[in-house]
Amino acid sequence: MADPPKQDILSVTRLSQEIKYKLNQNFPSVWVAGEISSLTRPSSGHIYLTLKDKNAQINGIIWRSEAEFLKFEPTNGLEVICRGSVDAYPQRGSYQLIIRQMQPQGMGDLELALRQLREKLTAEGLFAAERKKTLPRFPKHVAVVTSPSSAAVRDFLQVLTRRWSNIRVTIIPVKVQGPGSAEEIATGIKISNRLAAPIDAIVVTRGGGSMEDLWSFNSELVVRAIAASEIPVISGVGHEIDVTLSDLAADVRALTPSEAAERLVPNLDDVVGWLGGTQQRITQLLVGRIRSAHQELSALATRPVLTQPLERIRQAAMEIDLLESRLNQSATDSLKSYRQKLEQMTVQLEAINPLSVLARGYSLTTDQSGELLTNCNSVHPGDKIVSRLEKGRLTSIVESIDETQ
């Protein structure tokens, strides 16, 4: 094998540079479709990823300066279309796609960004029904966060004053689209919560427009400001078909600025009619109560307790006398019965009283200690014994003892 000419031998660096040059020259701008995988986003802010399809893959990078302008969050598994240039990385001997633009396949980047943010905030509970506050029935002071020169605020005020003129309105002027508008809207909501004059409700509103025009009301900054408001918030953004994240976070959603006014205050004519009907119902109720009371009073007036008040007292006195007579008779009968029972018991006791036997000539003999003698063996000759007669006692000395009957 012949040696190659020296002028045809390239160093690795030279070859890598040639490859880099050719890639830059032939692929300065290219659109590539694929699925994102192996996505990382270190603290530098750059995004590193791999685009792949069924048969191949290519590394990609989005520099921080480009990543900051992405309207959605790239995630693994997302099908995207990317525009960029192909570049070589000589230090590793690899090539990669420098991505300058990215959009999801099948939907716009704004639509995807909206879906991702909605899923995130829903998971946090910012749209939950249980956290929504109730509007006051008759608000006295309302803050309106909107553009002061827009047709939306004119429509709102026109409907508001026609329905309910006795209300104070404070306009918080903000931009409703374009750079910095989301920050102004969020700040306007916070200012409304801190006004010296108490605010009963906050209205965030603007007229219709494209998704891009209404995008400020899909801002996470605005949604969190609405959710954090201590004052009830009505969102009236766009037309009937427009639904923003601000609508979902608000305590009350209105389809248009005009409907926001309708949801905020009642119609004066309806209230006057309601008051009139209530007055009539109260009057009828009171008249009915008076008639009922009059009938009850008339019925009471015919009762004997009122027409003959002493009759009841006389009847009660007679009943007392009768009860007293019965009580006395019952006491007399009971006393007589007890006396008879006592006499019977006395006779019975006398019959068994040992002292009664003494009256018939018998006696009771005891020893010196008072023990009744029933057997001659209980004493001895010379012992003293005491015999109790019907009247008096005899003291004797035992001379002899005869044990025979």
Protein backbone atom coordinates (compact mmCIF):
# COMPACT_ATOMS: atom_id res chain seq x y z
CA MET A 1 0.00 0.00 0.00
CA ALA A 2 1.44 3.33 -1.10
CA ASP A 3 1.81 6.16 1.40
CA PRO A 4 -0.66 9.04 0.91
CA PRO A 5 0.68 12.41 -0.19
CA LYS A 6 1.51 14.61 2.78
CA GLN A 7 -0.67 17.42 1.48
CA ASP A 8 -3.74 15.11 1.64
CA ILE A 9 -3.31 14.27 5.33
CA LEU A 10 -5.69 16.28 7.58
CA SER A 11 -5.46 16.71 11.28
CA VAL A 12 -8.51 15.87 13.39
CA THR A 13 -8.97 19.56 14.13
CA ARG A 14 -8.83 20.46 10.46
CA LEU A 15 -11.29 17.75 9.51
CA SER A 16 -13.66 18.81 12.27
CA GLN A 17 -13.46 22.41 11.11
CA GLU A 18 -14.19 21.35 7.52
CA ILE A 19 -17.22 19.37 8.67
CA LYS A 20 -18.42 22.29 10.76
CA TYR A 21 -18.02 24.65 7.80
CA LYS A 22 -19.89 22.34 5.42
CA LEU A 23 -22.73 21.85 7.88
CA ASN A 24 -23.07 25.59 8.51
CA GLN A 25 -22.97 26.27 4.78
CA ASN A 26 -25.47 23.60 3.73
CA PHE A 27 -27.89 23.80 6.68
CA PRO A 28 -28.03 27.48 7.71
CA SER A 29 -31.78 27.23 8.36
CA VAL A 30 -33.82 24.04 8.42
CA TRP A 31 -37.18 22.88 9.79
CA VAL A 32 -37.10 19.58 11.67
CA ALA A 33 -40.06 17.63 13.08
CA GLY A 34 -39.63 15.17 15.93
CA GLU A 35 -40.42 14.13 19.47
CA ILE A 36 -38.64 15.73 22.43
CA SER A 37 -36.73 13.42 24.75
CA SER A 38 -33.89 13.67 27.31
CA LEU A 39 -34.80 17.32 28.03
CA THR A 40 -32.75 19.14 30.65
CA ARG A 41 -32.73 22.76 31.77
CA PRO A 42 -29.74 23.55 33.99
CA SER A 43 -29.30 26.73 35.99
CA SER A 44 -27.66 28.43 32.99
CA GLY A 45 -31.13 28.72 31.41
CA HIS A 46 -30.19 26.88 28.21
CA ILE A 47 -32.38 23.95 27.14
CA TYR A 48 -30.73 20.72 26.03
CA LEU A 49 -32.83 18.06 24.34
CA THR A 50 -32.93 15.30 21.75
CA LEU A 51 -35.25 15.27 18.73
CA LYS A 52 -36.07 11.79 17.52
CA ASP A 53 -38.31 9.81 15.23
CA LYS A 54 -38.57 6.07 14.58
CA ASN A 55 -35.19 5.76 12.85
CA ALA A 56 -32.87 8.52 14.03
CA GLN A 57 -32.23 11.25 16.53
CA ILE A 58 -30.31 14.52 16.76
CA ASN A 59 -29.19 16.56 19.73
CA GLY A 60 -30.55 20.06 20.04
CA ILE A 61 -29.98 23.15 22.12
CA ILE A 62 -31.99 26.31 22.75
CA TRP A 63 -29.86 29.12 24.06
CA ARG A 64 -31.19 31.02 27.06
CA SER A 65 -31.78 34.17 25.00
CA GLU A 66 -34.16 32.17 22.77
CA ALA A 67 -35.69 30.02 25.54
CA GLU A 68 -37.00 33.07 27.40
CA PHE A 69 -39.34 33.88 24.49
CA LEU A 70 -40.97 30.44 24.32
CA LYS A 71 -44.69 30.79 25.07
CA PHE A 72 -45.04 27.19 26.28
CA GLU A 73 -42.98 24.77 28.32
CA PRO A 74 -41.18 22.07 26.27
CA THR A 75 -41.66 18.62 27.81
CA ASN A 76 -40.52 15.10 27.03
CA GLY A 77 -42.83 13.29 24.62
CA LEU A 78 -44.10 16.48 23.00
CA GLU A 79 -44.22 16.45 19.19
CA VAL A 80 -42.74 19.71 17.89
CA ILE A 81 -41.48 21.44 14.77
CA CYS A 82 -38.19 23.30 15.18
CA ARG A 83 -36.35 25.80 13.01
CA GLY A 84 -32.64 26.17 13.40
CA SER A 85 -29.19 25.56 11.96
CA VAL A 86 -27.00 22.48 12.07
CA ASP A 87 -23.67 22.95 13.76
CA ALA A 88 -20.79 20.65 14.69
CA TYR A 89 -19.22 20.32 18.11
CA PRO A 90 -15.54 19.50 17.34
CA GLN A 91 -14.58 18.83 20.96
CA ARG A 92 -16.93 15.85 21.04
CA GLY A 93 -16.99 14.99 17.38
CA SER A 94 -20.77 15.38 17.21
CA TYR A 95 -23.29 17.62 15.52
CA GLN A 96 -26.41 19.29 16.89
CA LEU A 97 -29.35 21.48 15.96
CA ILE A 98 -29.22 25.05 17.21
CA ILE A 99 -32.95 25.72 17.72
CA ARG A 100 -34.19 29.29 17.25
CA GLN A 101 -37.92 28.64 16.93
CA MET A 102 -40.19 25.87 18.23
CA GLN A 103 -43.89 25.20 17.95
CA PRO A 104 -45.98 22.19 18.95
CA GLN A 105 -47.43 20.00 16.25
CA GLY A 106 -51.20 20.05 15.91
CA MET A 107 -51.74 23.25 17.93
CA GLY A 108 -50.32 26.72 18.32
CA ASP A 109 -47.78 27.56 20.95
CA LEU A 110 -50.22 29.90 22.72
CA GLU A 111 -52.82 27.17 22.85
CA LEU A 112 -50.35 24.73 24.33
CA ALA A 113 -49.05 27.29 26.82
CA LEU A 114 -52.64 28.01 27.89
CA ARG A 115 -53.37 24.31 28.35
CA GLN A 116 -50.22 23.73 30.37
CA LEU A 117 -50.85 26.71 32.65
CA ARG A 118 -54.49 25.74 33.13
CA GLU A 119 -53.51 22.23 34.18
CA LYS A 120 -50.93 23.61 36.61
CA LEU A 121 -53.28 26.12 38.26
CA THR A 122 -56.15 23.63 38.38
CA ALA A 123 -53.92 21.22 40.28
CA GLU A 124 -53.21 24.02 42.78
CA GLY A 125 -56.96 24.56 43.32
CA LEU A 126 -57.08 28.15 42.05
CA PHE A 127 -60.22 27.44 40.03
CA ALA A 128 -62.03 25.40 42.71
CA ALA A 129 -65.66 26.35 43.35
CA GLU A 130 -65.31 26.15 47.15
CA ARG A 131 -62.85 29.06 47.28
CA LYS A 132 -65.08 31.50 45.39
CA LYS A 133 -66.57 34.41 47.32
CA THR A 134 -70.14 35.72 47.13
CA LEU A 135 -70.92 39.16 45.70
CA PRO A 136 -72.68 41.65 48.00
CA ARG A 137 -76.40 42.09 47.21
CA PHE A 138 -76.23 45.89 47.07
CA PRO A 139 -72.62 47.06 46.54
CA LYS A 140 -71.88 50.70 47.36
CA HIS A 141 -68.36 51.06 45.92
CA VAL A 142 -66.79 49.12 43.05
CA ALA A 143 -63.28 49.25 41.54
CA VAL A 144 -62.95 48.66 37.79
CA VAL A 145 -59.53 47.50 36.54
CA THR A 146 -59.48 48.31 32.82
CA SER A 147 -58.40 50.75 30.16
CA PRO A 148 -60.19 54.06 30.90
CA SER A 149 -60.52 54.90 27.19
CA SER A 150 -61.92 51.56 26.01
CA ALA A 151 -65.39 50.88 24.69
CA ALA A 152 -65.66 48.15 27.34
CA VAL A 153 -65.62 50.61 30.24
CA ARG A 154 -68.20 52.83 28.50
CA ASP A 155 -70.53 49.87 27.99
CA PHE A 156 -70.02 48.78 31.59
CA LEU A 157 -70.76 52.22 33.05
CA GLN A 158 -73.76 52.75 30.81
CA VAL A 159 -75.42 49.51 31.91
CA LEU A 160 -74.38 50.02 35.54
CA THR A 161 -75.85 53.51 35.91
CA ARG A 162 -79.03 52.53 34.07
CA ARG A 163 -79.66 49.63 36.43
CA TRP A 164 -78.40 51.11 39.72
CA SER A 165 -77.25 54.71 39.90
CA ASN A 166 -76.56 54.81 43.64
CA ILE A 167 -73.06 53.33 43.44
CA ARG A 168 -69.56 54.75 43.51
CA VAL A 169 -67.15 53.65 40.78
CA THR A 170 -63.35 53.94 40.96
CA ILE A 171 -61.48 53.29 37.69
CA ILE A 172 -58.04 51.72 38.08
CA PRO A 173 -56.39 52.57 34.72
CA VAL A 174 -54.24 49.81 33.21
CA LYS A 175 -53.11 48.54 29.82
CA VAL A 176 -55.18 45.55 28.76
CA GLN A 177 -52.85 44.16 26.06
CA GLY A 178 -49.27 44.33 24.94
CA PRO A 179 -45.98 44.22 26.84
CA GLY A 180 -46.31 45.01 30.53
CA SER A 181 -50.11 44.80 30.54
CA ALA A 182 -50.25 41.67 32.71
CA GLU A 183 -48.10 43.35 35.34
CA GLU A 184 -50.33 46.44 35.32
CA ILE A 185 -53.53 44.40 35.64
CA ALA A 186 -52.15 42.38 38.56
CA THR A 187 -50.97 45.58 40.24
CA GLY A 188 -54.41 47.19 39.69
CA ILE A 189 -56.10 44.28 41.48
CA LYS A 190 -53.70 44.60 44.41
CA ILE A 191 -54.25 48.38 44.59
CA SER A 192 -58.03 47.84 44.67
CA ASN A 193 -57.59 45.68 47.77
CA ARG A 194 -55.63 48.46 49.49
CA LEU A 195 -57.80 51.51 48.75
CA ALA A 196 -58.68 53.62 51.77
CA ALA A 197 -62.36 53.74 50.81
CA PRO A 198 -63.80 50.22 51.30
CA ILE A 199 -64.39 48.34 48.05
CA ASP A 200 -67.30 45.90 47.83
CA ALA A 201 -66.30 44.29 44.51
CA ILE A 202 -63.61 44.43 41.80
CA VAL A 203 -64.41 44.21 38.09
CA VAL A 204 -61.62 43.16 35.69
CA THR A 205 -62.80 43.80 32.15
CA ARG A 206 -61.97 44.56 28.53
CA GLY A 207 -63.61 44.08 25.13
CA GLY A 208 -63.13 41.20 22.71
CA GLY A 209 -60.12 40.37 20.58
CA SER A 210 -57.89 37.59 19.36
CA MET A 211 -56.15 35.13 21.67
CA GLU A 212 -53.05 37.29 21.45
CA ASP A 213 -55.06 40.41 22.40
CA LEU A 214 -56.55 38.69 25.44
CA TRP A 215 -53.34 36.92 26.42
CA SER A 216 -52.67 39.19 29.41
CA PHE A 217 -55.78 37.77 31.07
CA ASN A 218 -54.27 34.29 30.70
CA SER A 219 -51.14 35.41 32.50
CA GLU A 220 -50.22 33.46 35.61
CA LEU A 221 -49.46 36.79 37.31
CA VAL A 222 -53.03 38.05 36.76
CA VAL A 223 -54.65 34.75 37.68
CA ARG A 224 -52.79 34.59 41.00
CA ALA A 225 -53.65 38.22 41.77
CA ILE A 226 -57.36 37.45 41.25
CA ALA A 227 -57.18 34.31 43.38
CA ALA A 228 -55.38 36.18 46.17
CA SER A 229 -57.88 39.07 46.25
CA GLU A 230 -59.75 39.42 49.54
CA ILE A 231 -62.51 41.29 47.69
CA PRO A 232 -64.89 39.42 45.33
CA VAL A 233 -63.77 39.70 41.69
CA ILE A 234 -65.94 39.73 38.55
CA SER A 235 -64.16 38.92 35.29
CA GLY A 236 -65.83 40.28 32.15
CA VAL A 237 -63.26 39.77 29.39
CA GLY A 238 -63.99 39.56 25.68
CA HIS A 239 -67.18 38.24 24.11
CA GLU A 240 -69.36 35.22 24.87
CA ILE A 241 -67.05 32.69 23.22
CA ASP A 242 -63.89 33.97 24.91
CA VAL A 243 -62.85 32.10 28.06
CA THR A 244 -59.66 33.19 29.81
CA LEU A 245 -57.95 31.84 32.90
CA SER A 246 -58.98 35.07 34.65
CA ASP A 247 -62.60 34.05 34.07
CA LEU A 248 -61.93 30.69 35.74
CA ALA A 249 -60.14 32.23 38.72
CA ALA A 250 -62.69 35.01 39.30
CA ASP A 251 -65.49 34.61 41.83
CA VAL A 252 -68.03 35.47 39.13
CA ARG A 253 -67.59 35.22 35.35
CA ALA A 254 -69.46 37.56 33.02
CA LEU A 255 -69.64 36.92 29.29
CA THR A 256 -69.15 40.61 28.39
CA PRO A 257 -68.40 43.92 30.14
CA SER A 258 -72.13 44.75 29.94
CA GLU A 259 -73.05 41.48 31.64
CA ALA A 260 -70.45 42.22 34.33
CA ALA A 261 -72.53 45.29 35.26
CA GLU A 262 -75.70 43.17 35.25
CA ARG A 263 -74.10 40.57 37.52
CA LEU A 264 -72.80 43.26 39.85
CA VAL A 265 -75.97 45.26 40.66
CA PRO A 266 -79.69 44.51 40.56
CA ASN A 267 -82.16 46.37 38.35
CA LEU A 268 -83.67 49.26 40.30
CA ASP A 269 -87.10 48.66 38.74
CA ASP A 270 -86.97 45.03 39.85
CA VAL A 271 -86.02 46.02 43.38
CA VAL A 272 -88.78 48.64 43.55
CA GLY A 273 -91.27 46.06 42.28
CA TRP A 274 -90.02 43.53 44.81
CA LEU A 275 -90.31 46.08 47.63
CA GLY A 276 -93.84 46.94 46.54
CA GLY A 277 -94.86 43.30 46.49
CA THR A 278 -93.21 42.73 49.87
CA GLN A 279 -95.03 45.73 51.34
CA GLN A 280 -98.34 44.38 50.05
CA ARG A 281 -97.65 40.92 51.48
CA ILE A 282 -96.68 42.39 54.86
CA THR A 283 -99.83 44.55 54.90
CA GLN A 284 -102.01 41.55 54.10
CA LEU A 285 -100.26 39.50 56.76
CA LEU A 286 -100.75 42.20 59.42
CA VAL A 287 -104.43 42.69 58.50
CA GLY A 288 -104.95 38.94 58.73
CA ARG A 289 -103.23 38.82 62.12
CA ILE A 290 -105.37 41.68 63.41
CA ARG A 291 -108.56 39.97 62.24
CA SER A 292 -107.51 36.71 63.82
CA ALA A 293 -106.67 38.45 67.09
CA HIS A 294 -110.05 40.25 67.06
CA GLN A 295 -111.85 36.93 66.57
CA GLU A 296 -109.91 35.33 69.40
CA LEU A 297 -110.68 38.29 71.67
CA SER A 298 -114.38 38.07 70.83
CA ALA A 299 -114.38 34.36 71.61
CA LEU A 300 -112.65 34.98 74.92
CA ALA A 301 -115.16 37.69 75.85
CA THR A 302 -118.03 35.14 75.75
CA ARG A 303 -116.40 32.67 78.10
CA PRO A 304 -117.94 32.30 81.60
CA VAL A 305 -114.63 33.09 83.23
CA LEU A 306 -115.03 36.64 81.93
CA THR A 307 -118.82 37.02 81.95
CA GLN A 308 -119.24 35.48 85.48
CA PRO A 309 -115.79 35.72 87.10
CA LEU A 310 -117.13 35.01 90.70
CA GLU A 311 -118.95 31.83 89.67
CA ARG A 312 -115.73 29.96 89.27
CA ILE A 313 -114.57 31.14 92.71
CA ARG A 314 -117.85 29.99 94.31
CA GLN A 315 -117.57 26.56 92.70
CA ALA A 316 -114.01 26.27 93.91
CA ALA A 317 -115.06 27.22 97.46
CA MET A 318 -117.79 24.57 97.44
CA GLU A 319 -115.34 21.98 96.22
CA ILE A 320 -112.96 22.95 99.02
CA ASP A 321 -115.71 22.63 101.65
CA LEU A 322 -116.67 19.22 100.29
CA LEU A 323 -113.05 18.07 100.32
CA GLU A 324 -112.65 19.37 103.89
CA SER A 325 -115.76 17.43 105.04
CA ARG A 326 -114.49 14.28 103.38
CA LEU A 327 -111.07 14.75 104.93
CA ASN A 328 -112.52 15.21 108.45
CA GLN A 329 -114.78 12.15 108.10
CA SER A 330 -111.88 10.11 106.75
CA ALA A 331 -109.69 11.19 109.68
CA THR A 332 -112.45 10.33 112.20
CA ASP A 333 -113.03 6.93 110.64
CA SER A 334 -109.32 6.19 110.55
CA LEU A 335 -108.87 7.25 114.20
CA LYS A 336 -111.80 5.05 115.31
CA SER A 337 -110.39 2.09 113.41
CA TYR A 338 -106.93 2.53 114.91
CA ARG A 339 -108.44 2.84 118.41
CA GLN A 340 -110.29 -0.45 118.02
CA LYS A 341 -107.15 -2.18 116.76
CA LEU A 342 -105.24 -0.78 119.76
CA GLU A 343 -107.81 -2.11 122.22
CA GLN A 344 -107.67 -5.54 120.63
CA MET A 345 -103.89 -5.57 120.78
CA THR A 346 -104.03 -4.47 124.47
CA VAL A 347 -106.29 -7.36 125.34
CA GLN A 348 -103.99 -9.75 123.54
CA LEU A 349 -100.94 -8.38 125.33
CA GLU A 350 -102.63 -8.58 128.72
CA ALA A 351 -103.48 -12.19 128.05
CA ILE A 352 -99.85 -13.12 127.59
CA ASN A 353 -98.45 -10.75 130.24
CA PRO A 354 -96.78 -12.86 132.94
CA LEU A 355 -97.75 -10.32 135.58
CA SER A 356 -101.41 -11.01 134.93
CA VAL A 357 -100.86 -14.59 136.09
CA LEU A 358 -99.73 -13.25 139.47
CA ALA A 359 -103.22 -11.91 140.09
CA ARG A 360 -104.49 -15.50 140.16
CA GLY A 361 -102.15 -16.47 143.04
CA TYR A 362 -99.05 -17.36 141.14
CA SER A 363 -95.54 -15.90 141.74
CA LEU A 364 -92.25 -15.50 139.87
CA THR A 365 -89.08 -16.63 141.64
CA THR A 366 -85.61 -15.47 140.73
CA ASP A 367 -82.17 -15.98 142.17
CA GLN A 368 -80.09 -13.19 143.62
CA SER A 369 -78.87 -12.18 140.15
CA GLY A 370 -82.45 -11.82 138.86
CA GLU A 371 -82.46 -14.96 136.77
CA LEU A 372 -85.89 -16.65 136.65
CA LEU A 373 -85.87 -20.03 138.40
CA THR A 374 -87.51 -22.88 136.51
CA ASN A 375 -85.54 -25.77 138.02
CA CYS A 376 -84.57 -26.46 141.60
CA ASN A 377 -81.15 -27.51 140.50
CA SER A 378 -80.34 -23.87 139.84
CA VAL A 379 -80.05 -23.10 143.60
CA HIS A 380 -78.54 -24.66 146.69
CA PRO A 381 -79.52 -24.69 150.35
CA GLY A 382 -78.69 -21.36 151.94
CA ASP A 383 -79.15 -19.35 148.70
CA LYS A 384 -81.40 -16.33 148.76
CA ILE A 385 -84.31 -16.29 146.37
CA VAL A 386 -86.83 -13.55 145.53
CA SER A 387 -90.49 -14.26 144.84
CA ARG A 388 -92.59 -11.62 143.06
CA LEU A 389 -96.25 -11.59 143.93
CA GLU A 390 -99.09 -9.55 142.47
CA LYS A 391 -98.25 -7.00 145.12
CA GLY A 392 -94.73 -6.87 146.52
CA ARG A 393 -91.76 -9.19 146.73
CA LEU A 394 -90.63 -11.86 149.22
CA THR A 395 -87.00 -12.72 149.99
CA SER A 396 -86.40 -16.28 151.25
CA ILE A 397 -83.49 -18.55 152.13
CA VAL A 398 -83.52 -22.05 150.68
CA GLU A 399 -83.49 -24.60 153.52
CA SER A 400 -83.91 -27.75 151.49
CA ILE A 401 -84.43 -28.89 147.94
CA ASP A 402 -86.92 -31.55 146.80
CA GLU A 403 -86.35 -32.65 143.26
CA THR A 404 -89.56 -34.71 143.06
CA GLN A 405 -92.56 -33.27 141.14
